[in-house]
Amino acid sequence: MSEKPSISVPHRLIVIEGPIGVGKTSLARRLARSFGSELILEQAEENPFLERFYRNPRAAALQTQLFFLFQRTRQLEDIRQHDLFDTVRVADYLIDKDRLFARLTLDDEEFALYEQVYSRLAVDAPVPDLVIYLQAPVDVLLERIERRGIRYEQHMDRAYLEKLQEAYARFFHQYHASPLLIVNAAQADFVSNEQDYAQLLEQVSRIRRGRHFYNPLKSAL
């Protein structure tokens, strides 16, 4: 699939967010191709503690979270060193979600330590021009995780996904830092279905401010 930039982009930094398996990275890749933009990915596969975390969350939660924090902070520093208005960027994570995961996976003492590290890093993240929050039921997430076949993800616990989904819902219920598009991604295929993608692209191109909800029509077979 080779798309050429053909759409006027009203945003300089677009962030895709949502729980594991919802399709953040796949959509970010396609949007980046459509807009001819720079792609910023969280690169979870580089985290050497992640497989251990999925096997035994309590034993590896702190190491996993700190690695992600340092990794994401470095990426944000790289963005800050360049003029944000030089190019359009599409990212598959919001730095704010780092603390969401930390609060979910760490005990109180570990979270206190994490907060100290976070404050020392003085994270200064660019504010997105648009955040796209993808939602889907846990059953859909589990099916997509199984289908994409990443080995270490196959140990993922359903209860963990349920808690993660609830944490995301609470976070975005209170999120007002950027324009927000909340998308029901349960039945949509924004990567392989041209109609689904075109409809989403139309929504993205129109939003300038505020909170919006998008429930795609089920594509005709």
C-alpha atoms as a PDB file:
ATOM      1  CA  MET A   1       0.000   0.000   0.000  1.00  0.00           C
ATOM      2  CA  SER A   2       1.770   3.154  -1.183  1.00  0.00           C
ATOM      3  CA  GLU A   3      -0.164   6.340  -0.628  1.00  0.00           C
ATOM      4  CA  LYS A   4       0.968   9.766  -1.691  1.00  0.00           C
ATOM      5  CA  PRO A   5       0.232  12.856   0.367  1.00  0.00           C
ATOM      6  CA  SER A   6      -2.942  14.211  -1.216  1.00  0.00           C
ATOM      7  CA  ILE A   7      -4.776  15.758   1.708  1.00  0.00           C
ATOM      8  CA  SER A   8      -4.400  19.112   3.336  1.00  0.00           C
ATOM      9  CA  VAL A   9      -3.324  18.473   6.932  1.00  0.00           C
ATOM     10  CA  PRO A  10      -4.717  20.938   9.486  1.00  0.00           C
ATOM     11  CA  HIS A  11      -2.593  19.443  12.276  1.00  0.00           C
ATOM     12  CA  ARG A  12       1.173  19.402  12.881  1.00  0.00           C
ATOM     13  CA  LEU A  13       1.190  16.681  15.562  1.00  0.00           C
ATOM     14  CA  ILE A  14      -1.409  13.893  15.568  1.00  0.00           C
ATOM     15  CA  VAL A  15      -1.369  11.253  18.305  1.00  0.00           C
ATOM     16  CA  ILE A  16      -3.185   7.904  18.175  1.00  0.00           C
ATOM     17  CA  GLU A  17      -4.019   6.337  21.525  1.00  0.00           C
ATOM     18  CA  GLY A  18      -5.969   3.438  23.013  1.00  0.00           C
ATOM     19  CA  PRO A  19      -5.482   0.088  24.746  1.00  0.00           C
ATOM     20  CA  ILE A  20      -3.183  -2.689  23.551  1.00  0.00           C
ATOM     21  CA  GLY A  21      -4.468  -4.386  20.404  1.00  0.00           C
ATOM     22  CA  VAL A  22      -6.838  -1.627  19.313  1.00  0.00           C
ATOM     23  CA  GLY A  23      -4.760  -0.727  16.234  1.00  0.00           C
ATOM     24  CA  LYS A  24      -2.852   2.434  17.211  1.00  0.00           C
ATOM     25  CA  THR A  25       0.372   1.709  15.384  1.00  0.00           C
ATOM     26  CA  SER A  26      -1.274   0.412  12.212  1.00  0.00           C
ATOM     27  CA  LEU A  27      -3.416   3.539  11.936  1.00  0.00           C
ATOM     28  CA  ALA A  28      -0.462   5.799  12.749  1.00  0.00           C
ATOM     29  CA  ARG A  29       1.546   4.203   9.944  1.00  0.00           C
ATOM     30  CA  ARG A  30      -1.232   4.696   7.426  1.00  0.00           C
ATOM     31  CA  LEU A  31      -1.917   8.288   8.416  1.00  0.00           C
ATOM     32  CA  ALA A  32       1.791   9.052   8.159  1.00  0.00           C
ATOM     33  CA  ARG A  33       1.826   7.654   4.618  1.00  0.00           C
ATOM     34  CA  SER A  34      -1.265   9.649   3.646  1.00  0.00           C
ATOM     35  CA  PHE A  35       0.123  12.907   5.026  1.00  0.00           C
ATOM     36  CA  GLY A  36       3.733  12.307   4.016  1.00  0.00           C
ATOM     37  CA  SER A  37       4.609  12.891   7.642  1.00  0.00           C
ATOM     38  CA  GLU A  38       7.233  11.773  10.124  1.00  0.00           C
ATOM     39  CA  LEU A  39       6.225   8.690  12.111  1.00  0.00           C
ATOM     40  CA  ILE A  40       6.968   8.447  15.846  1.00  0.00           C
ATOM     41  CA  LEU A  41       6.495   4.983  17.339  1.00  0.00           C
ATOM     42  CA  GLU A  42       6.939   3.831  20.929  1.00  0.00           C
ATOM     43  CA  GLN A  43       8.905   0.719  19.788  1.00  0.00           C
ATOM     44  CA  ALA A  44       7.715  -1.644  22.497  1.00  0.00           C
ATOM     45  CA  GLU A  45       9.762  -4.460  21.007  1.00  0.00           C
ATOM     46  CA  GLU A  46      12.935  -2.690  22.198  1.00  0.00           C
ATOM     47  CA  ASN A  47      11.909  -3.009  25.859  1.00  0.00           C
ATOM     48  CA  PRO A  48      13.867  -6.014  27.212  1.00  0.00           C
ATOM     49  CA  PHE A  49      11.578  -6.293  30.260  1.00  0.00           C
ATOM     50  CA  LEU A  50       8.243  -6.409  28.463  1.00  0.00           C
ATOM     51  CA  GLU A  51       8.033 -10.176  27.949  1.00  0.00           C
ATOM     52  CA  ARG A  52       8.914 -10.703  31.609  1.00  0.00           C
ATOM     53  CA  PHE A  53       6.181  -8.252  32.551  1.00  0.00           C
ATOM     54  CA  TYR A  54       3.503 -10.143  30.621  1.00  0.00           C
ATOM     55  CA  ARG A  55       4.628 -13.405  32.228  1.00  0.00           C
ATOM     56  CA  ASN A  56       4.895 -12.009  35.765  1.00  0.00           C
ATOM     57  CA  PRO A  57       3.637  -8.407  36.062  1.00  0.00           C
ATOM     58  CA  ARG A  58       4.566  -7.891  39.692  1.00  0.00           C
ATOM     59  CA  ALA A  59       8.164  -9.001  39.186  1.00  0.00           C
ATOM     60  CA  ALA A  60       8.959  -6.753  36.213  1.00  0.00           C
ATOM     61  CA  ALA A  61       6.537  -3.815  36.342  1.00  0.00           C
ATOM     62  CA  LEU A  62       8.970  -1.158  37.594  1.00  0.00           C
ATOM     63  CA  GLN A  63      11.776  -2.032  35.163  1.00  0.00           C
ATOM     64  CA  THR A  64       9.329  -2.147  32.267  1.00  0.00           C
ATOM     65  CA  GLN A  65       7.805   1.207  33.112  1.00  0.00           C
ATOM     66  CA  LEU A  66      11.095   3.018  33.678  1.00  0.00           C
ATOM     67  CA  PHE A  67      12.493   1.735  30.386  1.00  0.00           C
ATOM     68  CA  PHE A  68       9.442   3.097  28.552  1.00  0.00           C
ATOM     69  CA  LEU A  69       9.704   6.413  30.400  1.00  0.00           C
ATOM     70  CA  PHE A  70      13.373   6.909  29.429  1.00  0.00           C
ATOM     71  CA  GLN A  71      12.724   5.764  25.854  1.00  0.00           C
ATOM     72  CA  ARG A  72       9.779   8.115  25.342  1.00  0.00           C
ATOM     73  CA  THR A  73      11.555  11.027  26.996  1.00  0.00           C
ATOM     74  CA  ARG A  74      14.490  10.653  24.584  1.00  0.00           C
ATOM     75  CA  GLN A  75      12.112  10.678  21.627  1.00  0.00           C
ATOM     76  CA  LEU A  76      10.404  13.837  22.885  1.00  0.00           C
ATOM     77  CA  GLU A  77      13.768  15.538  23.340  1.00  0.00           C
ATOM     78  CA  ASP A  78      14.566  14.757  19.711  1.00  0.00           C
ATOM     79  CA  ILE A  79      11.288  16.364  18.654  1.00  0.00           C
ATOM     80  CA  ARG A  80      11.980  19.432  20.769  1.00  0.00           C
ATOM     81  CA  GLN A  81      15.393  19.867  19.123  1.00  0.00           C
ATOM     82  CA  HIS A  82      13.676  20.357  15.773  1.00  0.00           C
ATOM     83  CA  ASP A  83      11.133  22.954  14.813  1.00  0.00           C
ATOM     84  CA  LEU A  84       7.747  21.346  15.413  1.00  0.00           C
ATOM     85  CA  PHE A  85       6.366  23.310  12.486  1.00  0.00           C
ATOM     86  CA  ASP A  86       8.884  21.970   9.997  1.00  0.00           C
ATOM     87  CA  THR A  87       6.844  18.841   9.328  1.00  0.00           C
ATOM     88  CA  VAL A  88       3.703  16.963  10.190  1.00  0.00           C
ATOM     89  CA  ARG A  89       4.228  14.204  12.757  1.00  0.00           C
ATOM     90  CA  VAL A  90       2.056  11.224  13.631  1.00  0.00           C
ATOM     91  CA  ALA A  91       2.725   9.317  16.877  1.00  0.00           C
ATOM     92  CA  ASP A  92       1.264   6.130  18.318  1.00  0.00           C
ATOM     93  CA  TYR A  93       1.502   7.229  21.944  1.00  0.00           C
ATOM     94  CA  LEU A  94       0.793  10.157  24.237  1.00  0.00           C
ATOM     95  CA  ILE A  95       3.470  10.666  26.896  1.00  0.00           C
ATOM     96  CA  ASP A  96       0.729  11.251  29.473  1.00  0.00           C
ATOM     97  CA  LYS A  97      -0.258   7.605  29.178  1.00  0.00           C
ATOM     98  CA  ASP A  98       3.074   6.606  30.692  1.00  0.00           C
ATOM     99  CA  ARG A  99       1.805   7.612  34.122  1.00  0.00           C
ATOM    100  CA  LEU A 100      -1.510   5.878  33.401  1.00  0.00           C
ATOM    101  CA  PHE A 101       0.330   2.570  32.926  1.00  0.00           C
ATOM    102  CA  ALA A 102       2.552   3.261  35.919  1.00  0.00           C
ATOM    103  CA  ARG A 103      -0.389   3.839  38.248  1.00  0.00           C
ATOM    104  CA  LEU A 104      -2.018   0.654  36.954  1.00  0.00           C
ATOM    105  CA  THR A 105       0.987  -1.666  37.218  1.00  0.00           C
ATOM    106  CA  LEU A 106       3.095  -0.373  40.138  1.00  0.00           C
ATOM    107  CA  ASP A 107       2.475  -0.668  43.857  1.00  0.00           C
ATOM    108  CA  ASP A 108       2.422   2.494  45.976  1.00  0.00           C
ATOM    109  CA  GLU A 109       6.139   2.466  46.836  1.00  0.00           C
ATOM    110  CA  GLU A 110       7.162   1.791  43.230  1.00  0.00           C
ATOM    111  CA  PHE A 111       4.838   4.485  41.948  1.00  0.00           C
ATOM    112  CA  ALA A 112       6.327   6.991  44.398  1.00  0.00           C
ATOM    113  CA  LEU A 113       9.788   6.160  43.040  1.00  0.00           C
ATOM    114  CA  TYR A 114       8.507   6.422  39.464  1.00  0.00           C
ATOM    115  CA  GLU A 115       7.036   9.859  40.236  1.00  0.00           C
ATOM    116  CA  GLN A 116      10.389  11.036  41.579  1.00  0.00           C
ATOM    117  CA  VAL A 117      12.132   9.920  38.398  1.00  0.00           C
ATOM    118  CA  TYR A 118       9.411  11.476  36.234  1.00  0.00           C
ATOM    119  CA  SER A 119       9.710  14.832  37.997  1.00  0.00           C
ATOM    120  CA  ARG A 120      13.533  14.770  37.737  1.00  0.00           C
ATOM    121  CA  LEU A 121      13.307  14.236  33.993  1.00  0.00           C
ATOM    122  CA  ALA A 122      11.191  17.391  33.703  1.00  0.00           C
ATOM    123  CA  VAL A 123       9.286  15.961  30.760  1.00  0.00           C
ATOM    124  CA  ASP A 124       8.279  18.783  28.426  1.00  0.00           C
ATOM    125  CA  ALA A 125       6.110  17.122  25.812  1.00  0.00           C
ATOM    126  CA  PRO A 126       4.727  18.963  22.788  1.00  0.00           C
ATOM    127  CA  VAL A 127       0.949  19.307  22.943  1.00  0.00           C
ATOM    128  CA  PRO A 128      -0.756  17.440  20.069  1.00  0.00           C
ATOM    129  CA  ASP A 129      -3.003  19.298  17.649  1.00  0.00           C
ATOM    130  CA  LEU A 130      -5.269  16.250  17.632  1.00  0.00           C
ATOM    131  CA  VAL A 131      -5.545  13.072  19.701  1.00  0.00           C
ATOM    132  CA  ILE A 132      -7.417  10.108  18.214  1.00  0.00           C
ATOM    133  CA  TYR A 133      -8.554   7.731  20.957  1.00  0.00           C
ATOM    134  CA  LEU A 134      -9.498   4.290  19.608  1.00  0.00           C
ATOM    135  CA  GLN A 135     -11.909   2.155  21.640  1.00  0.00           C
ATOM    136  CA  ALA A 136     -12.912  -1.512  21.325  1.00  0.00           C
ATOM    137  CA  PRO A 137     -14.327  -4.191  23.680  1.00  0.00           C
ATOM    138  CA  VAL A 138     -11.875  -6.491  25.459  1.00  0.00           C
ATOM    139  CA  ASP A 139     -12.997  -9.487  23.380  1.00  0.00           C
ATOM    140  CA  VAL A 140     -12.046  -7.591  20.223  1.00  0.00           C
ATOM    141  CA  LEU A 141      -8.685  -6.591  21.700  1.00  0.00           C
ATOM    142  CA  LEU A 142      -7.893 -10.197  22.655  1.00  0.00           C
ATOM    143  CA  GLU A 143      -8.831 -11.449  19.190  1.00  0.00           C
ATOM    144  CA  ARG A 144      -6.622  -8.854  17.508  1.00  0.00           C
ATOM    145  CA  ILE A 145      -3.728  -9.577  19.866  1.00  0.00           C
ATOM    146  CA  GLU A 146      -3.988 -13.278  19.058  1.00  0.00           C
ATOM    147  CA  ARG A 147      -4.265 -12.609  15.327  1.00  0.00           C
ATOM    148  CA  ARG A 148      -1.179 -10.403  15.115  1.00  0.00           C
ATOM    149  CA  GLY A 149       0.796 -13.137  16.857  1.00  0.00           C
ATOM    150  CA  ILE A 150       3.435 -11.215  18.813  1.00  0.00           C
ATOM    151  CA  ARG A 151       4.856 -13.946  21.023  1.00  0.00           C
ATOM    152  CA  TYR A 152       5.209 -12.104  24.308  1.00  0.00           C
ATOM    153  CA  GLU A 153       1.691 -10.643  24.033  1.00  0.00           C
ATOM    154  CA  GLN A 154       0.083 -14.088  24.060  1.00  0.00           C
ATOM    155  CA  HIS A 155       0.559 -14.218  27.847  1.00  0.00           C
ATOM    156  CA  MET A 156      -1.617 -11.143  28.349  1.00  0.00           C
ATOM    157  CA  ASP A 157      -4.195 -11.459  31.076  1.00  0.00           C
ATOM    158  CA  ARG A 158      -7.820 -10.549  30.321  1.00  0.00           C
ATOM    159  CA  ALA A 159      -8.240  -8.866  33.717  1.00  0.00           C
ATOM    160  CA  TYR A 160      -5.239  -6.632  32.964  1.00  0.00           C
ATOM    161  CA  LEU A 161      -6.799  -5.552  29.664  1.00  0.00           C
ATOM    162  CA  GLU A 162     -10.091  -4.794  31.412  1.00  0.00           C
ATOM    163  CA  LYS A 163      -8.332  -2.604  33.968  1.00  0.00           C
ATOM    164  CA  LEU A 164      -6.331  -0.911  31.215  1.00  0.00           C
ATOM    165  CA  GLN A 165      -9.465  -0.178  29.228  1.00  0.00           C
ATOM    166  CA  GLU A 166     -11.127   1.350  32.301  1.00  0.00           C
ATOM    167  CA  ALA A 167      -8.034   3.460  33.005  1.00  0.00           C
ATOM    168  CA  TYR A 168      -8.042   4.808  29.445  1.00  0.00           C
ATOM    169  CA  ALA A 169     -11.753   5.656  29.695  1.00  0.00           C
ATOM    170  CA  ARG A 170     -11.191   7.597  32.935  1.00  0.00           C
ATOM    171  CA  PHE A 171      -8.148   9.377  31.521  1.00  0.00           C
ATOM    172  CA  PHE A 172      -9.847  10.588  28.353  1.00  0.00           C
ATOM    173  CA  HIS A 173     -13.029  11.507  30.188  1.00  0.00           C
ATOM    174  CA  GLN A 174     -10.926  14.187  31.898  1.00  0.00           C
ATOM    175  CA  TYR A 175      -8.626  15.016  28.957  1.00  0.00           C
ATOM    176  CA  HIS A 176      -8.915  18.559  27.596  1.00  0.00           C
ATOM    177  CA  ALA A 177      -5.362  19.453  26.564  1.00  0.00           C
ATOM    178  CA  SER A 178      -5.970  18.897  22.830  1.00  0.00           C
ATOM    179  CA  PRO A 179      -8.810  18.420  20.385  1.00  0.00           C
ATOM    180  CA  LEU A 180      -9.982  14.839  20.883  1.00  0.00           C
ATOM    181  CA  LEU A 181     -11.613  12.386  18.476  1.00  0.00           C
ATOM    182  CA  ILE A 182     -13.033   9.314  20.250  1.00  0.00           C
ATOM    183  CA  VAL A 183     -13.502   6.477  17.755  1.00  0.00           C
ATOM    184  CA  ASN A 184     -15.406   3.220  18.108  1.00  0.00           C
ATOM    185  CA  ALA A 185     -12.908   0.926  16.394  1.00  0.00           C
ATOM    186  CA  ALA A 186     -14.659  -2.363  17.220  1.00  0.00           C
ATOM    187  CA  GLN A 187     -15.861  -3.166  13.719  1.00  0.00           C
ATOM    188  CA  ALA A 188     -13.818  -0.786  11.599  1.00  0.00           C
ATOM    189  CA  ASP A 189     -10.678  -1.721   9.666  1.00  0.00           C
ATOM    190  CA  PHE A 190      -8.785   1.476   9.025  1.00  0.00           C
ATOM    191  CA  VAL A 191      -5.821  -0.298   7.440  1.00  0.00           C
ATOM    192  CA  SER A 192      -7.321  -2.631   4.840  1.00  0.00           C
ATOM    193  CA  ASN A 193     -10.794  -1.189   4.246  1.00  0.00           C
ATOM    194  CA  GLU A 194     -10.666   1.882   2.025  1.00  0.00           C
ATOM    195  CA  GLN A 195     -14.168   3.061   2.959  1.00  0.00           C
ATOM    196  CA  ASP A 196     -13.470   2.865   6.690  1.00  0.00           C
ATOM    197  CA  TYR A 197     -10.223   4.753   6.266  1.00  0.00           C
ATOM    198  CA  ALA A 198     -11.672   7.435   3.991  1.00  0.00           C
ATOM    199  CA  GLN A 199     -14.484   8.136   6.454  1.00  0.00           C
ATOM    200  CA  LEU A 200     -12.038   8.454   9.337  1.00  0.00           C
ATOM    201  CA  LEU A 201      -9.766  10.688   7.276  1.00  0.00           C
ATOM    202  CA  GLU A 202     -12.688  13.007   6.628  1.00  0.00           C
ATOM    203  CA  GLN A 203     -13.300  13.282  10.367  1.00  0.00           C
ATOM    204  CA  VAL A 204      -9.619  14.006  11.049  1.00  0.00           C
ATOM    205  CA  SER A 205      -9.432  16.722   8.409  1.00  0.00           C
ATOM    206  CA  ARG A 206     -12.450  18.594   9.819  1.00  0.00           C
ATOM    207  CA  ILE A 207     -11.568  18.769  13.509  1.00  0.00           C
ATOM    208  CA  ARG A 208     -10.037  21.979  14.819  1.00  0.00           C
ATOM    209  CA  ARG A 209     -11.131  22.060  18.470  1.00  0.00           C
ATOM    210  CA  GLY A 210     -13.265  20.347  21.071  1.00  0.00           C
ATOM    211  CA  ARG A 211     -14.295  16.750  21.768  1.00  0.00           C
ATOM    212  CA  HIS A 212     -15.815  14.601  19.044  1.00  0.00           C
ATOM    213  CA  PHE A 213     -17.254  11.083  18.899  1.00  0.00           C
ATOM    214  CA  TYR A 214     -17.133   8.942  15.780  1.00  0.00           C
ATOM    215  CA  ASN A 215     -18.981   5.650  15.371  1.00  0.00           C
ATOM    216  CA  PRO A 216     -18.151   4.304  11.883  1.00  0.00           C
ATOM    217  CA  LEU A 217     -20.931   2.726   9.888  1.00  0.00           C
ATOM    218  CA  LYS A 218     -20.360  -0.995   9.433  1.00  0.00           C
ATOM    219  CA  SER A 219     -18.869  -1.474   5.980  1.00  0.00           C
ATOM    220  CA  ALA A 220     -21.020  -3.303   3.479  1.00  0.00           C
ATOM    221  CA  LEU A 221     -19.720  -6.760   2.623  1.00  0.00           C
END
